[in-house]
């Protein structure tokens, strides 16, 4: 049970950190990465599953 909670919290932290970092980028920088602001949640979800 504790491992499940620890894993979920770790994933949430990774998701939150990824969103925060990507939101700091300008639209131009995101475009250079092939992303838009609408892609940020999806990319963060994918990153948090690793």
N, C-alpha and C. Protein backbone atom coordinates (compact mmCIF):
# COMPACT_ATOMS: atom_id res chain seq x y z
N UNK A 1 0.82 -1.19 0.00
CA UNK A 1 0.00 0.00 0.00
C UNK A 1 0.87 1.26 0.00
N UNK A 2 1.87 1.28 0.86
CA UNK A 2 2.75 2.45 0.92
C UNK A 2 3.50 2.66 -0.38
N UNK A 3 3.92 1.55 -1.03
CA UNK A 3 4.63 1.68 -2.31
C UNK A 3 3.74 2.31 -3.38
N UNK A 4 2.46 1.97 -3.37
CA UNK A 4 1.52 2.53 -4.33
C UNK A 4 1.42 4.05 -4.14
N UNK A 5 1.27 4.47 -2.91
CA UNK A 5 1.16 5.91 -2.61
C UNK A 5 2.44 6.62 -2.98
N UNK A 6 3.57 6.02 -2.65
CA UNK A 6 4.87 6.61 -2.98
C UNK A 6 5.04 6.75 -4.49
N UNK A 7 4.63 5.74 -5.24
CA UNK A 7 4.74 5.77 -6.69
C UNK A 7 3.84 6.85 -7.28
N UNK A 8 2.61 6.94 -6.80
CA UNK A 8 1.68 7.95 -7.30
C UNK A 8 2.17 9.36 -7.01
N UNK A 9 2.70 9.56 -5.82
CA UNK A 9 3.23 10.88 -5.45
C UNK A 9 4.43 11.24 -6.32
N UNK A 10 5.29 10.28 -6.57
CA UNK A 10 6.46 10.51 -7.41
C UNK A 10 6.03 10.88 -8.83
N UNK A 11 5.03 10.17 -9.35
CA UNK A 11 4.54 10.49 -10.69
C UNK A 11 3.92 11.87 -10.73
N UNK A 12 3.16 12.24 -9.71
CA UNK A 12 2.54 13.56 -9.65
C UNK A 12 3.61 14.65 -9.63
N UNK A 13 4.67 14.43 -8.85
CA UNK A 13 5.76 15.40 -8.79
C UNK A 13 6.41 15.57 -10.16
N UNK A 14 6.66 14.45 -10.84
CA UNK A 14 7.29 14.50 -12.16
C UNK A 14 6.38 15.22 -13.15
N UNK A 15 5.07 14.95 -13.10
CA UNK A 15 4.10 15.63 -13.96
C UNK A 15 4.12 17.13 -13.70
N UNK A 16 4.04 17.50 -12.45
CA UNK A 16 3.99 18.91 -12.06
C UNK A 16 5.26 19.65 -12.47
N UNK A 17 6.40 19.02 -12.26
CA UNK A 17 7.67 19.63 -12.62
C UNK A 17 7.78 19.80 -14.14
N UNK A 18 7.34 18.81 -14.89
CA UNK A 18 7.39 18.88 -16.36
C UNK A 18 6.50 20.00 -16.88
N UNK A 19 5.29 20.09 -16.35
CA UNK A 19 4.37 21.16 -16.76
C UNK A 19 5.00 22.52 -16.46
N UNK A 20 5.54 22.66 -15.28
CA UNK A 20 6.15 23.92 -14.88
C UNK A 20 7.30 24.32 -15.81
N UNK A 21 8.15 23.37 -16.12
CA UNK A 21 9.29 23.67 -16.99
C UNK A 21 8.85 24.02 -18.41
N UNK A 22 7.87 23.29 -18.93
CA UNK A 22 7.41 23.57 -20.29
C UNK A 22 6.65 24.89 -20.37
N UNK A 23 5.94 25.24 -19.32
CA UNK A 23 5.20 26.51 -19.33
C UNK A 23 6.13 27.71 -19.29
N UNK A 24 7.35 27.53 -18.88
CA UNK A 24 8.33 28.63 -18.87
C UNK A 24 8.85 28.96 -20.27
N UNK A 25 8.67 28.04 -21.21
CA UNK A 25 9.16 28.24 -22.56
C UNK A 25 8.22 29.16 -23.34
N UNK A 26 8.80 29.91 -24.25
CA UNK A 26 7.99 30.77 -25.12
C UNK A 26 7.33 29.91 -26.19
N UNK A 27 6.37 30.50 -26.88
CA UNK A 27 5.68 29.80 -27.97
C UNK A 27 6.69 29.39 -29.05
N UNK A 28 7.66 30.25 -29.28
CA UNK A 28 8.69 29.96 -30.29
C UNK A 28 9.54 28.75 -29.88
N UNK A 29 9.94 28.73 -28.62
CA UNK A 29 10.75 27.61 -28.12
C UNK A 29 9.96 26.31 -28.17
N UNK A 30 8.69 26.37 -27.81
CA UNK A 30 7.84 25.17 -27.91
C UNK A 30 7.72 24.72 -29.35
N UNK A 31 7.54 25.67 -30.26
CA UNK A 31 7.43 25.34 -31.68
C UNK A 31 8.71 24.67 -32.19
N UNK A 32 9.85 25.12 -31.69
CA UNK A 32 11.12 24.50 -32.08
C UNK A 32 11.18 23.04 -31.65
N UNK A 33 10.45 22.72 -30.58
CA UNK A 33 10.38 21.33 -30.09
C UNK A 33 9.23 20.56 -30.74
N UNK A 34 8.47 21.25 -31.60
CA UNK A 34 7.33 20.62 -32.25
C UNK A 34 6.11 20.54 -31.35
N UNK A 35 6.00 21.46 -30.39
CA UNK A 35 4.91 21.46 -29.43
C UNK A 35 4.15 22.77 -29.46
N UNK A 36 2.93 22.73 -28.93
CA UNK A 36 2.16 23.94 -28.68
C UNK A 36 1.81 23.94 -27.20
N UNK A 37 1.22 25.01 -26.73
CA UNK A 37 0.83 25.06 -25.32
C UNK A 37 -0.21 24.00 -25.00
N UNK A 38 -1.01 23.60 -25.98
CA UNK A 38 -2.02 22.56 -25.77
C UNK A 38 -1.41 21.18 -25.61
N UNK A 39 -0.17 20.99 -26.04
CA UNK A 39 0.50 19.70 -25.92
C UNK A 39 1.12 19.47 -24.54
N UNK A 40 1.26 20.52 -23.76
CA UNK A 40 1.98 20.43 -22.49
C UNK A 40 1.40 19.36 -21.55
N UNK A 41 0.08 19.33 -21.30
CA UNK A 41 -0.44 18.29 -20.40
C UNK A 41 -0.18 16.86 -20.90
N UNK A 42 -0.31 16.66 -22.21
CA UNK A 42 -0.07 15.32 -22.77
C UNK A 42 1.39 14.91 -22.60
N UNK A 43 2.29 15.81 -22.92
CA UNK A 43 3.71 15.52 -22.80
C UNK A 43 4.07 15.25 -21.34
N UNK A 44 3.51 16.02 -20.44
CA UNK A 44 3.77 15.82 -19.01
C UNK A 44 3.24 14.48 -18.52
N UNK A 45 2.05 14.10 -19.01
CA UNK A 45 1.51 12.78 -18.62
C UNK A 45 2.42 11.67 -19.12
N UNK A 46 2.89 11.78 -20.36
CA UNK A 46 3.78 10.77 -20.91
C UNK A 46 5.08 10.71 -20.10
N UNK A 47 5.61 11.85 -19.73
CA UNK A 47 6.86 11.90 -18.98
C UNK A 47 6.69 11.31 -17.59
N UNK A 48 5.53 11.48 -17.01
CA UNK A 48 5.32 11.00 -15.64
C UNK A 48 5.16 9.49 -15.58
N UNK A 49 4.91 8.86 -16.69
CA UNK A 49 4.76 7.40 -16.73
C UNK A 49 6.08 6.66 -16.87
N UNK A 50 7.13 7.37 -17.17
CA UNK A 50 8.44 6.73 -17.35
C UNK A 50 9.02 6.23 -16.05
